[in-house]
Amino acid sequence: MGLIHIELFATLDLVGQAPGGPDEDPSGFPFGGWQAPLIDDVTGAQISAAYEGTDALLLGRRTYDLFAAYWPHQKDGEIAELFNSVPKYVASRGTPDLPWAGSTLLGADLARAVHEVRDRHRHVKVVGSLNLVQTLLREKLFDRLDLWVHPIVLGVGKKVFDTGAVPTNLTLLTPPAAAPAGTVHLRYALADGTPRTGDMSAPDRGLPHDDAL
C-alpha cells in the first residue's frame, strides 16, 4: 500500500488560497500569488525534494484545469517532466473533459477511490486543490503532510482548516527547516487517536502514565 502525501503552502494565519498567481482563483481574492515573493533557493530545493519518488498526482478539478493548461506545454525541468509523465487522478463532482495525457476521473465515492489509488501507487502527491485537501484532512484520507508556513498574515482568504476540521494527531517526521526568507517547512505523518487534554496545575499535568493507557 502506498502513501498519500499532501503538499501545502500556507500563511501564518493558515490561508492556503491561490499561492501561485493572481489567476489561480478568480473569486475576488486580493492576494493571489502571495507565495512568489517569498520563494528562495532553500524553499525551492525543499519543494523539489518533496516530489522525489512521486508516481501519481491526486488533484481537485480547479487545480487540474490550471495544470492542464500549463504543464503539457512545458518541456524542460524536472517538475514538468514528472507532472507530464505520471498518472493524474482528478476528484470532481461533475464529468469534466480531461485532456491532459494520463488523466483519470475518480468515482463518486472519494474514500474508496483514494484507497484504490493508494493501492496502485507508492507515493501519490496532492498538489494545491484546497477543497480536496480539506476533505482529505477531514476524512483522514492522507498519510503525510508537507506544510510550508510563510511569514505573512493576510487576514482574508480560504484557510487550510475549515469549520469542518476534525480533531487529529500528527507526528513530526523531521526537524522544522527554515529558509532565509522566513518560510518554515514542517513535515508530518498522520498519527493514531485524537488529541488528549490535561491540566497544567495538576501533577504530571494530569496526563495518564503510559502504563495506564
Protein backbone atom coordinates (compact mmCIF):
# COMPACT_ATOMS: atom_id res chain seq x y z
CA MET A 1 0.00 0.00 0.00
CA GLY A 2 1.31 3.42 -0.95
CA LEU A 3 1.18 6.80 0.76
CA ILE A 4 -0.95 9.89 0.11
CA HIS A 5 1.23 12.98 0.53
CA ILE A 6 -0.35 16.45 0.80
CA GLU A 7 1.92 19.30 -0.37
CA LEU A 8 0.57 22.53 1.06
CA PHE A 9 1.57 26.20 1.20
CA ALA A 10 0.07 28.47 3.87
CA THR A 11 0.49 31.84 5.57
CA LEU A 12 0.95 32.33 9.31
CA ASP A 13 -2.82 32.70 9.65
CA LEU A 14 -3.11 29.45 7.63
CA VAL A 15 -4.58 30.93 4.46
CA GLY A 16 -3.90 28.44 1.67
CA GLN A 17 -5.79 30.11 -1.14
CA ALA A 18 -4.15 30.89 -4.51
CA PRO A 19 -0.47 30.99 -3.54
CA GLY A 20 0.78 30.61 -7.11
CA GLY A 21 -0.62 33.56 -9.02
CA PRO A 22 -3.42 36.13 -9.41
CA ASP A 23 -5.34 33.95 -11.88
CA GLU A 24 -5.24 30.83 -9.73
CA ASP A 25 -8.56 31.60 -8.06
CA PRO A 26 -10.74 34.23 -9.78
CA SER A 27 -13.11 34.66 -6.82
CA GLY A 28 -12.08 38.19 -5.88
CA PHE A 29 -9.28 37.12 -3.53
CA PRO A 30 -6.92 40.14 -3.48
CA PHE A 31 -3.66 38.33 -2.70
CA GLY A 32 -3.36 35.72 -5.44
CA GLY A 33 0.32 34.92 -5.90
CA TRP A 34 1.33 35.73 -2.32
CA GLN A 35 3.95 32.95 -2.30
CA ALA A 36 6.02 34.21 -5.24
CA PRO A 37 7.95 36.97 -3.37
CA LEU A 38 8.86 34.50 -0.59
CA ILE A 39 10.38 31.69 -2.65
CA ASP A 40 14.15 31.36 -2.26
CA ASP A 41 16.68 28.70 -3.23
CA VAL A 42 16.25 26.79 0.04
CA THR A 43 12.47 26.57 -0.22
CA GLY A 44 12.73 25.71 -3.90
CA ALA A 45 15.11 22.84 -3.08
CA GLN A 46 12.78 21.61 -0.32
CA ILE A 47 9.83 21.56 -2.71
CA SER A 48 11.82 19.74 -5.40
CA ALA A 49 13.00 17.16 -2.86
CA ALA A 50 9.43 16.61 -1.68
CA TYR A 51 8.48 15.38 -5.17
CA GLU A 52 11.22 12.77 -5.40
CA GLY A 53 9.72 9.34 -5.95
CA THR A 54 6.28 10.65 -6.92
CA ASP A 55 4.46 8.19 -9.15
CA ALA A 56 0.98 9.77 -9.29
CA LEU A 57 -0.83 13.06 -8.73
CA LEU A 58 -4.19 13.50 -6.99
CA LEU A 59 -5.84 16.79 -7.94
CA GLY A 60 -9.04 18.73 -7.45
CA ARG A 61 -10.88 19.96 -10.54
CA ARG A 62 -9.77 23.61 -10.35
CA THR A 63 -6.11 22.75 -9.87
CA TYR A 64 -6.32 20.16 -12.63
CA ASP A 65 -7.66 22.74 -15.09
CA LEU A 66 -4.84 25.16 -14.22
CA PHE A 67 -2.18 22.46 -14.51
CA ALA A 68 -3.63 21.02 -17.73
CA ALA A 69 -3.48 24.45 -19.36
CA TYR A 70 0.16 24.94 -18.38
CA TRP A 71 2.28 21.84 -17.81
CA PRO A 72 1.74 19.99 -21.11
CA HIS A 73 3.36 22.98 -22.83
CA GLN A 74 6.44 22.89 -20.57
CA LYS A 75 9.11 20.52 -21.81
CA ASP A 76 12.10 21.48 -19.67
CA GLY A 77 12.70 20.91 -15.98
CA GLU A 78 12.25 18.03 -13.56
CA ILE A 79 8.80 19.10 -12.36
CA ALA A 80 7.46 19.44 -15.91
CA GLU A 81 8.83 16.03 -16.85
CA LEU A 82 7.37 14.48 -13.70
CA PHE A 83 3.91 16.04 -13.95
CA ASN A 84 3.58 15.19 -17.63
CA SER A 85 4.68 11.58 -17.22
CA VAL A 86 2.85 10.30 -14.13
CA PRO A 87 -0.85 9.35 -13.90
CA LYS A 88 -3.19 12.16 -12.82
CA TYR A 89 -6.30 11.35 -10.76
CA VAL A 90 -8.98 14.03 -10.62
CA ALA A 91 -11.65 14.48 -7.95
CA SER A 92 -14.75 16.24 -9.27
CA ARG A 93 -18.48 16.19 -8.68
CA GLY A 94 -19.03 16.68 -12.41
CA THR A 95 -17.90 14.89 -15.56
CA PRO A 96 -15.25 17.23 -16.95
CA ASP A 97 -13.13 16.69 -20.02
CA LEU A 98 -9.64 15.59 -19.02
CA PRO A 99 -7.35 16.46 -21.95
CA TRP A 100 -4.03 16.05 -20.14
CA ALA A 101 -2.45 12.72 -21.07
CA GLY A 102 -2.65 10.15 -18.30
CA SER A 103 -5.68 11.67 -16.56
CA THR A 104 -8.45 9.66 -14.87
CA LEU A 105 -11.65 10.87 -13.22
CA LEU A 106 -12.24 9.39 -9.76
CA GLY A 107 -15.56 7.82 -8.86
CA ALA A 108 -18.20 9.48 -6.70
CA ASP A 109 -17.11 7.51 -3.60
CA LEU A 110 -13.98 9.54 -2.82
CA ALA A 111 -12.83 7.41 0.11
CA ARG A 112 -12.97 4.24 -1.94
CA ALA A 113 -11.28 5.93 -4.90
CA VAL A 114 -8.43 7.27 -2.75
CA HIS A 115 -7.84 3.82 -1.27
CA GLU A 116 -7.73 2.34 -4.77
CA VAL A 117 -5.19 4.97 -5.88
CA ARG A 118 -3.12 4.28 -2.75
CA ASP A 119 -3.14 0.55 -3.54
CA ARG A 120 -1.98 1.25 -7.10
CA HIS A 121 0.94 3.59 -6.39
CA ARG A 122 3.71 4.14 -3.84
CA HIS A 123 3.87 7.94 -3.50
CA VAL A 124 0.79 9.93 -4.50
CA LYS A 125 1.09 13.72 -4.24
CA VAL A 126 -1.84 16.07 -3.64
CA VAL A 127 -0.87 19.48 -5.01
CA GLY A 128 -2.90 22.67 -4.44
CA SER A 129 -6.56 21.59 -4.58
CA LEU A 130 -7.56 23.21 -1.28
CA ASN A 131 -11.15 21.97 -1.35
CA LEU A 132 -9.93 18.41 -1.91
CA VAL A 133 -7.25 18.84 0.76
CA GLN A 134 -9.84 19.92 3.31
CA THR A 135 -11.86 16.78 2.55
CA LEU A 136 -8.80 14.53 2.83
CA LEU A 137 -7.85 16.15 6.15
CA ARG A 138 -11.39 15.90 7.50
CA GLU A 139 -11.77 12.24 6.48
CA LYS A 140 -8.14 11.42 7.42
CA LEU A 141 -7.52 10.14 3.91
CA PHE A 142 -3.84 11.05 3.90
CA ASP A 143 -0.58 9.70 5.28
CA ARG A 144 1.90 12.59 5.06
CA LEU A 145 1.61 16.37 5.17
CA ASP A 146 4.32 18.73 3.92
CA LEU A 147 3.38 22.21 5.13
CA TRP A 148 5.33 25.33 4.21
CA VAL A 149 4.36 28.20 6.55
CA HIS A 150 5.22 31.61 5.12
CA PRO A 151 5.97 34.74 7.21
CA ILE A 152 2.95 36.82 6.21
CA VAL A 153 -0.56 37.36 7.57
CA LEU A 154 -3.33 38.07 5.06
CA GLY A 155 -6.44 38.23 7.22
CA VAL A 156 -8.66 37.11 4.33
CA GLY A 157 -8.89 34.02 2.17
CA LYS A 158 -9.74 30.34 2.40
CA LYS A 159 -7.91 28.64 5.23
CA VAL A 160 -6.33 25.22 5.32
CA PHE A 161 -8.51 24.01 8.17
CA ASP A 162 -12.14 24.98 7.66
CA THR A 163 -15.05 24.76 10.09
CA GLY A 164 -15.39 21.06 9.28
CA ALA A 165 -11.91 20.17 10.57
CA VAL A 166 -11.80 17.20 12.95
CA PRO A 167 -9.51 16.50 15.95
CA THR A 168 -6.40 14.80 14.58
CA ASN A 169 -2.99 13.76 15.87
CA LEU A 170 0.11 14.28 13.75
CA THR A 171 3.73 13.23 14.23
CA LEU A 172 6.62 15.47 13.22
CA LEU A 173 8.85 13.40 10.92
CA THR A 174 11.84 15.73 10.58
CA PRO A 175 13.01 18.86 12.43
CA PRO A 176 11.45 22.09 11.13
CA ALA A 177 13.62 23.68 8.44
CA ALA A 178 13.65 27.45 7.99
CA ALA A 179 14.62 29.19 4.74
CA PRO A 180 16.34 32.62 4.54
CA ALA A 181 13.10 34.35 3.55
CA GLY A 182 11.47 33.07 6.75
CA THR A 183 9.41 30.19 5.37
CA VAL A 184 9.35 27.12 7.63
CA HIS A 185 8.97 23.61 6.26
CA LEU A 186 7.09 21.18 8.51
CA ARG A 187 6.77 17.50 7.63
CA TYR A 188 4.13 15.46 9.45
CA ALA A 189 2.64 11.97 9.38
CA LEU A 190 -0.92 11.12 10.35
CA ALA A 191 -0.95 9.54 13.81
CA ASP A 192 -3.50 7.37 15.63
CA GLY A 193 -6.09 8.67 18.05
CA THR A 194 -7.33 12.15 18.80
CA PRO A 195 -5.73 14.96 20.84
CA ARG A 196 -5.72 14.43 24.61
CA THR A 197 -6.24 17.10 27.26
CA GLY A 198 -4.60 17.68 30.61
CA ASP A 199 -4.32 20.16 33.49
CA MET A 200 -1.18 22.27 33.74
CA SER A 201 -1.76 22.79 37.51
CA ALA A 202 -2.03 19.06 38.27
CA PRO A 203 0.83 16.61 38.97
CA ASP A 204 2.24 15.31 35.69
CA ARG A 205 -0.10 17.84 34.03
CA GLY A 206 -2.99 15.48 34.70
CA LEU A 207 -1.88 13.10 31.98
CA PRO A 208 -2.17 9.32 32.44
CA HIS A 209 1.02 7.32 32.67
CA ASP A 210 1.90 5.17 29.68
CA ASP A 211 1.09 2.01 31.61
CA ALA A 212 -2.43 3.30 32.21
CA LEU A 213 -3.16 3.85 28.51
